[in-house]
C-alpha atoms as a PDB file:
ATOM      1  CA  MET A   1       1.998 -26.925 -16.072  1.00  0.00           C
ATOM      2  CA  ILE A   2       1.194 -23.431 -16.978  1.00  0.00           C
ATOM      3  CA  CYS A   3       4.148 -21.346 -18.506  1.00  0.00           C
ATOM      4  CA  TYR A   4       3.176 -17.871 -18.036  1.00  0.00           C
ATOM      5  CA  ASN A   5       5.558 -16.501 -20.727  1.00  0.00           C
ATOM      6  CA  SER A   6       3.553 -18.147 -23.477  1.00  0.00           C
ATOM      7  CA  MET A   7       0.077 -16.735 -22.108  1.00  0.00           C
ATOM      8  CA  GLY A   8      -1.870 -13.893 -23.510  1.00  0.00           C
ATOM      9  CA  ASP A   9      -2.254 -10.715 -21.505  1.00  0.00           C
ATOM     10  CA  SER A  10      -5.780 -11.564 -20.583  1.00  0.00           C
ATOM     11  CA  MET A  11      -4.824 -15.141 -19.360  1.00  0.00           C
ATOM     12  CA  LYS A  12      -2.153 -13.545 -17.121  1.00  0.00           C
ATOM     13  CA  ARG A  13      -4.279 -11.156 -15.549  1.00  0.00           C
ATOM     14  CA  LYS A  14      -7.032 -13.914 -15.078  1.00  0.00           C
ATOM     15  CA  PHE A  15      -4.657 -15.916 -13.081  1.00  0.00           C
ATOM     16  CA  PHE A  16      -2.345 -13.670 -11.540  1.00  0.00           C
ATOM     17  CA  ASN A  17      -4.326 -10.435 -11.218  1.00  0.00           C
ATOM     18  CA  VAL A  18      -1.648  -8.258 -12.804  1.00  0.00           C
ATOM     19  CA  LYS A  19      -3.791  -5.154 -12.549  1.00  0.00           C
ATOM     20  CA  GLU A  20      -3.984  -5.440  -8.731  1.00  0.00           C
ATOM     21  CA  ASN A  21      -0.361  -6.294  -8.146  1.00  0.00           C
ATOM     22  CA  LYS A  22       1.005  -3.638 -10.297  1.00  0.00           C
ATOM     23  CA  SER A  23       3.860  -2.407  -8.481  1.00  0.00           C
ATOM     24  CA  CYS A  24       7.651  -2.062  -8.203  1.00  0.00           C
ATOM     25  CA  SER A  25       7.830  -4.768  -5.484  1.00  0.00           C
ATOM     26  CA  CYS A  26       6.318  -7.347  -8.099  1.00  0.00           C
ATOM     27  CA  CYS A  27       8.485  -6.061 -11.044  1.00  0.00           C
ATOM     28  CA  VAL A  28      11.125  -8.009 -12.977  1.00  0.00           C
ATOM     29  CA  PHE A  29      13.265  -4.935 -12.684  1.00  0.00           C
ATOM     30  CA  GLY A  30      13.067  -4.483  -8.824  1.00  0.00           C
ATOM     31  CA  GLU A  31      14.934  -5.732  -6.081  1.00  0.00           C
ATOM     32  CA  LYS A  32      13.770  -5.297  -2.306  1.00  0.00           C
ATOM     33  CA  SER A  33      16.160  -3.469  -0.045  1.00  0.00           C
ATOM     34  CA  PRO A  34      17.394  -5.222   2.793  1.00  0.00           C
ATOM     35  CA  PHE A  35      17.266  -1.700   4.892  1.00  0.00           C
ATOM     36  CA  ASN A  36      13.761  -0.670   4.475  1.00  0.00           C
ATOM     37  CA  GLN A  37      10.614  -0.787   2.339  1.00  0.00           C
ATOM     38  CA  ASP A  38      12.363   0.558  -0.657  1.00  0.00           C
ATOM     39  CA  VAL A  39      13.072  -1.198  -4.188  1.00  0.00           C
ATOM     40  CA  PHE A  40      15.994  -0.863  -6.164  1.00  0.00           C
ATOM     41  CA  CYS A  41      15.063  -0.596  -9.562  1.00  0.00           C
ATOM     42  CA  ARG A  42      17.453  -1.373 -12.522  1.00  0.00           C
ATOM     43  CA  LYS A  43      15.587   1.564 -14.796  1.00  0.00           C
ATOM     44  CA  HIS A  44      15.107   4.346 -12.059  1.00  0.00           C
ATOM     45  CA  GLY A  45      17.451   3.697  -8.985  1.00  0.00           C
ATOM     46  CA  VAL A  46      15.651   3.549  -5.555  1.00  0.00           C
ATOM     47  CA  CYS A  47      11.958   3.921  -5.335  1.00  0.00           C
ATOM     48  CA  ASP A  48       8.929   2.993  -3.083  1.00  0.00           C
ATOM     49  CA  LYS A  49       7.519  -0.339  -3.363  1.00  0.00           C
ATOM     50  CA  ARG A  50       4.024   0.873  -4.466  1.00  0.00           C
ATOM     51  CA  ASP A  51       5.263   2.714  -7.445  1.00  0.00           C
ATOM     52  CA  CYS A  52       4.977   1.813 -11.044  1.00  0.00           C
ATOM     53  CA  CYS A  53       6.565   3.094 -14.181  1.00  0.00           C
ATOM     54  CA  ARG A  54       5.980   2.200 -17.930  1.00  0.00           C
ATOM     55  CA  HIS A  55       9.058  -0.381 -17.700  1.00  0.00           C
ATOM     56  CA  PHE A  56       6.749  -2.519 -15.345  1.00  0.00           C
ATOM     57  CA  LYS A  57       6.998  -6.270 -16.118  1.00  0.00           C
ATOM     58  CA  TYR A  58       5.228  -8.368 -13.798  1.00  0.00           C
ATOM     59  CA  ASP A  59       7.180 -11.248 -12.060  1.00  0.00           C
ATOM     60  CA  VAL A  60       4.917 -14.033 -10.788  1.00  0.00           C
ATOM     61  CA  LEU A  61       7.530 -15.216  -8.522  1.00  0.00           C
ATOM     62  CA  LYS A  62       7.698 -11.912  -6.472  1.00  0.00           C
ATOM     63  CA  ARG A  63       3.940 -12.013  -5.551  1.00  0.00           C
ATOM     64  CA  ASN A  64       3.070 -12.638  -1.855  1.00  0.00           C
ATOM     65  CA  PRO A  65      -0.463 -14.422  -2.162  1.00  0.00           C
ATOM     66  CA  THR A  66      -2.931 -13.721   0.609  1.00  0.00           C
ATOM     67  CA  GLN A  67      -3.851 -17.129   2.787  1.00  0.00           C
ATOM     68  CA  LYS A  68      -7.434 -17.765   3.558  1.00  0.00           C
ATOM     69  CA  ALA A  69      -8.187 -18.654   7.136  1.00  0.00           C
ATOM     70  CA  PRO A  70      -8.713 -22.472   7.614  1.00  0.00           C
ATOM     71  CA  SER A  71     -12.311 -22.973   8.455  1.00  0.00           C
ATOM     72  CA  ASP A  72     -13.300 -24.661  12.009  1.00  0.00           C
ATOM     73  CA  ASN A  73     -16.369 -26.447  10.959  1.00  0.00           C
ATOM     74  CA  TYR A  74     -15.133 -29.970   9.848  1.00  0.00           C
ATOM     75  CA  SER A  75     -17.006 -32.762  10.583  1.00  0.00           C
ATOM     76  CA  PRO A  76     -15.450 -36.463  10.742  1.00  0.00           C
ATOM     77  CA  GLU A  77     -17.099 -37.312   7.463  1.00  0.00           C
ATOM     78  CA  ASP A  78     -15.174 -34.850   5.641  1.00  0.00           C
ATOM     79  CA  PHE A  79     -12.197 -37.181   6.467  1.00  0.00           C
ATOM     80  CA  ASN A  80     -13.696 -40.325   5.634  1.00  0.00           C
ATOM     81  CA  LEU A  81     -12.549 -42.240   2.656  1.00  0.00           C
ATOM     82  CA  ASP A  82     -15.546 -44.403   1.402  1.00  0.00           C
ATOM     83  CA  ILE A  83     -14.697 -46.357  -1.610  1.00  0.00           C
END
């Protein structure tokens, strides 16, 4: 199990790509608005989901990972369990 609080900054960037996801929508202090695309920030109030401030602290659980499309070129040998 990986505990991201005890990792160094370089390890966090490697696993969670913090620089790419640096926005209020992935911040510990931000909460998504149920009405529109804005974010309620505890530090700055209402702001856009793409904004980022100096108080930014990455929250892994708010990240929406992209999913890869499943491949259609499987053969029956791929599912065979030969022991």
